[in-house]
C-alpha atoms as a PDB file:
ATOM      1  CA  UNK A   1      -9.069 -90.464  20.369  1.00  0.00           C
ATOM      2  CA  UNK A   2      -9.644 -86.811  21.178  1.00  0.00           C
ATOM      3  CA  UNK A   3     -12.816 -85.599  22.925  1.00  0.00           C
ATOM      4  CA  UNK A   4     -15.427 -83.830  20.814  1.00  0.00           C
ATOM      5  CA  UNK A   5     -16.667 -80.869  22.847  1.00  0.00           C
ATOM      6  CA  UNK A   6     -20.437 -80.418  22.515  1.00  0.00           C
ATOM      7  CA  UNK A   7     -21.104 -77.647  25.041  1.00  0.00           C
ATOM      8  CA  UNK A   8     -18.829 -75.524  27.184  1.00  0.00           C
ATOM      9  CA  UNK A   9     -20.010 -72.774  29.538  1.00  0.00           C
ATOM     10  CA  UNK A  10     -18.635 -71.305  32.768  1.00  0.00           C
ATOM     11  CA  UNK A  11     -20.330 -74.045  34.793  1.00  0.00           C
ATOM     12  CA  UNK A  12     -20.962 -76.908  32.339  1.00  0.00           C
ATOM     13  CA  UNK A  13     -18.788 -79.081  30.114  1.00  0.00           C
ATOM     14  CA  UNK A  14     -20.209 -81.747  27.812  1.00  0.00           C
ATOM     15  CA  UNK A  15     -18.170 -83.824  25.405  1.00  0.00           C
ATOM     16  CA  UNK A  16     -18.273 -87.130  23.580  1.00  0.00           C
ATOM     17  CA  UNK A  17     -15.491 -89.667  23.385  1.00  0.00           C
ATOM     18  CA  UNK A  18     -15.802 -92.126  20.553  1.00  0.00           C
ATOM     19  CA  UNK A  19     -19.138 -93.215  19.131  1.00  0.00           C
ATOM     20  CA  UNK A  20     -20.701 -94.419  22.396  1.00  0.00           C
ATOM     21  CA  UNK A  21     -19.776 -92.087  25.300  1.00  0.00           C
ATOM     22  CA  UNK A  22     -21.260 -88.764  26.420  1.00  0.00           C
ATOM     23  CA  UNK A  23     -19.619 -87.077  29.431  1.00  0.00           C
ATOM     24  CA  UNK A  24     -21.400 -84.338  31.405  1.00  0.00           C
ATOM     25  CA  UNK A  25     -19.551 -82.325  34.078  1.00  0.00           C
ATOM     26  CA  UNK A  26     -20.502 -79.268  36.101  1.00  0.00           C
ATOM     27  CA  UNK A  27     -19.056 -77.062  38.817  1.00  0.00           C
ATOM     28  CA  UNK A  28     -22.442 -75.515  39.555  1.00  0.00           C
ATOM     29  CA  UNK A  29     -23.696 -75.404  43.121  1.00  0.00           C
ATOM     30  CA  UNK A  30     -27.264 -75.576  41.842  1.00  0.00           C
ATOM     31  CA  UNK A  31     -28.855 -78.690  43.399  1.00  0.00           C
ATOM     32  CA  UNK A  32     -30.740 -79.473  40.180  1.00  0.00           C
ATOM     33  CA  UNK A  33     -29.991 -78.736  36.526  1.00  0.00           C
ATOM     34  CA  UNK A  34     -32.109 -79.970  33.621  1.00  0.00           C
ATOM     35  CA  UNK A  35     -31.652 -79.152  29.962  1.00  0.00           C
ATOM     36  CA  UNK A  36     -31.810 -80.581  26.442  1.00  0.00           C
ATOM     37  CA  UNK A  37     -28.696 -81.351  24.420  1.00  0.00           C
ATOM     38  CA  UNK A  38     -29.055 -81.507  20.651  1.00  0.00           C
ATOM     39  CA  UNK A  39     -25.395 -81.385  19.546  1.00  0.00           C
ATOM     40  CA  UNK A  40     -24.303 -85.018  19.597  1.00  0.00           C
ATOM     41  CA  UNK A  41     -23.840 -88.026  17.315  1.00  0.00           C
ATOM     42  CA  UNK A  42     -26.648 -90.181  18.673  1.00  0.00           C
ATOM     43  CA  UNK A  43     -29.822 -90.987  16.736  1.00  0.00           C
ATOM     44  CA  UNK A  44     -33.487 -90.718  17.768  1.00  0.00           C
ATOM     45  CA  UNK A  45     -34.416 -93.850  19.673  1.00  0.00           C
ATOM     46  CA  UNK A  46     -30.883 -94.471  21.011  1.00  0.00           C
ATOM     47  CA  UNK A  47     -30.727 -95.179  24.744  1.00  0.00           C
ATOM     48  CA  UNK A  48     -27.860 -93.894  26.868  1.00  0.00           C
ATOM     49  CA  UNK A  49     -27.230 -95.190  30.390  1.00  0.00           C
ATOM     50  CA  UNK A  50     -25.135 -93.625  33.131  1.00  0.00           C
ATOM     51  CA  UNK A  51     -22.192 -95.896  33.974  1.00  0.00           C
ATOM     52  CA  UNK A  52     -22.473 -94.810  37.627  1.00  0.00           C
ATOM     53  CA  UNK A  53     -26.162 -95.826  37.932  1.00  0.00           C
ATOM     54  CA  UNK A  54     -27.596 -98.510  35.663  1.00  0.00           C
ATOM     55  CA  UNK A  55     -31.157 -97.266  36.281  1.00  0.00           C
ATOM     56  CA  UNK A  56     -30.271 -93.739  35.065  1.00  0.00           C
ATOM     57  CA  UNK A  57     -30.978 -93.999  31.331  1.00  0.00           C
ATOM     58  CA  UNK A  58     -32.199 -91.449  28.787  1.00  0.00           C
ATOM     59  CA  UNK A  59     -33.553 -91.829  25.274  1.00  0.00           C
ATOM     60  CA  UNK A  60     -32.795 -89.570  22.347  1.00  0.00           C
ATOM     61  CA  UNK A  61     -36.198 -88.126  21.447  1.00  0.00           C
ATOM     62  CA  UNK A  62     -37.747 -87.844  17.971  1.00  0.00           C
ATOM     63  CA  UNK A  63     -36.247 -84.341  17.603  1.00  0.00           C
ATOM     64  CA  UNK A  64     -32.757 -85.696  18.323  1.00  0.00           C
ATOM     65  CA  UNK A  65     -32.583 -84.185  21.819  1.00  0.00           C
ATOM     66  CA  UNK A  66     -31.278 -85.742  25.018  1.00  0.00           C
ATOM     67  CA  UNK A  67     -32.796 -84.493  28.293  1.00  0.00           C
ATOM     68  CA  UNK A  68     -30.026 -84.354  30.864  1.00  0.00           C
ATOM     69  CA  UNK A  69     -30.664 -83.938  34.579  1.00  0.00           C
ATOM     70  CA  UNK A  70     -27.858 -83.254  37.041  1.00  0.00           C
ATOM     71  CA  UNK A  71     -28.472 -83.516  40.775  1.00  0.00           C
ATOM     72  CA  UNK A  72     -26.065 -81.927  43.265  1.00  0.00           C
ATOM     73  CA  UNK A  73     -23.387 -81.583  40.595  1.00  0.00           C
ATOM     74  CA  UNK A  74     -22.733 -85.290  40.220  1.00  0.00           C
ATOM     75  CA  UNK A  75     -21.076 -86.054  36.865  1.00  0.00           C
ATOM     76  CA  UNK A  76     -22.616 -88.369  34.319  1.00  0.00           C
ATOM     77  CA  UNK A  77     -20.918 -90.650  31.870  1.00  0.00           C
ATOM     78  CA  UNK A  78     -23.543 -91.931  29.503  1.00  0.00           C
ATOM     79  CA  UNK A  79     -22.801 -94.980  27.398  1.00  0.00           C
ATOM     80  CA  UNK A  80     -24.923 -95.956  24.436  1.00  0.00           C
ATOM     81  CA  UNK A  81     -26.884 -99.071  25.251  1.00  0.00           C
ATOM     82  CA  UNK A  82     -26.011-101.685  22.665  1.00  0.00           C
ATOM     83  CA  UNK A  83     -28.494-104.366  21.758  1.00  0.00           C
ATOM     84  CA  UNK A  84     -27.216-107.938  21.501  1.00  0.00           C
ATOM     85  CA  UNK A  85     -27.941-107.922  17.764  1.00  0.00           C
ATOM     86  CA  UNK A  86     -25.822-104.751  17.344  1.00  0.00           C
ATOM     87  CA  UNK A  87     -22.947-106.401  19.204  1.00  0.00           C
ATOM     88  CA  UNK A  88     -23.118-109.440  16.925  1.00  0.00           C
ATOM     89  CA  UNK A  89     -23.088-107.191  13.830  1.00  0.00           C
ATOM     90  CA  UNK A  90     -20.044-105.302  15.180  1.00  0.00           C
ATOM     91  CA  UNK A  91     -18.148-108.538  15.745  1.00  0.00           C
ATOM     92  CA  UNK A  92     -18.924-109.736  12.227  1.00  0.00           C
ATOM     93  CA  UNK A  93     -17.790-106.412  10.764  1.00  0.00           C
ATOM     94  CA  UNK A  94     -14.271-106.802  12.210  1.00  0.00           C
END
């Protein structure tokens, strides 16, 4: 599966991989970056959690935006949080 590039600038690269992953990378030396991302496949109310820090989760707001915060250039790999019910429905759909 190929990545789907959502944002690419001289110091920021954001792409999705499959239906559940959002990858955010930067080469910026800025100690703190914060911005909204609205080009993605997630729905309002979806929760995405950073695989590197289970407490680092963000929700897609009612306007379909994700607020992303990068500290000291650390990358983020957000994975859509799947409810147990959703997992059961996915298994049944196979």
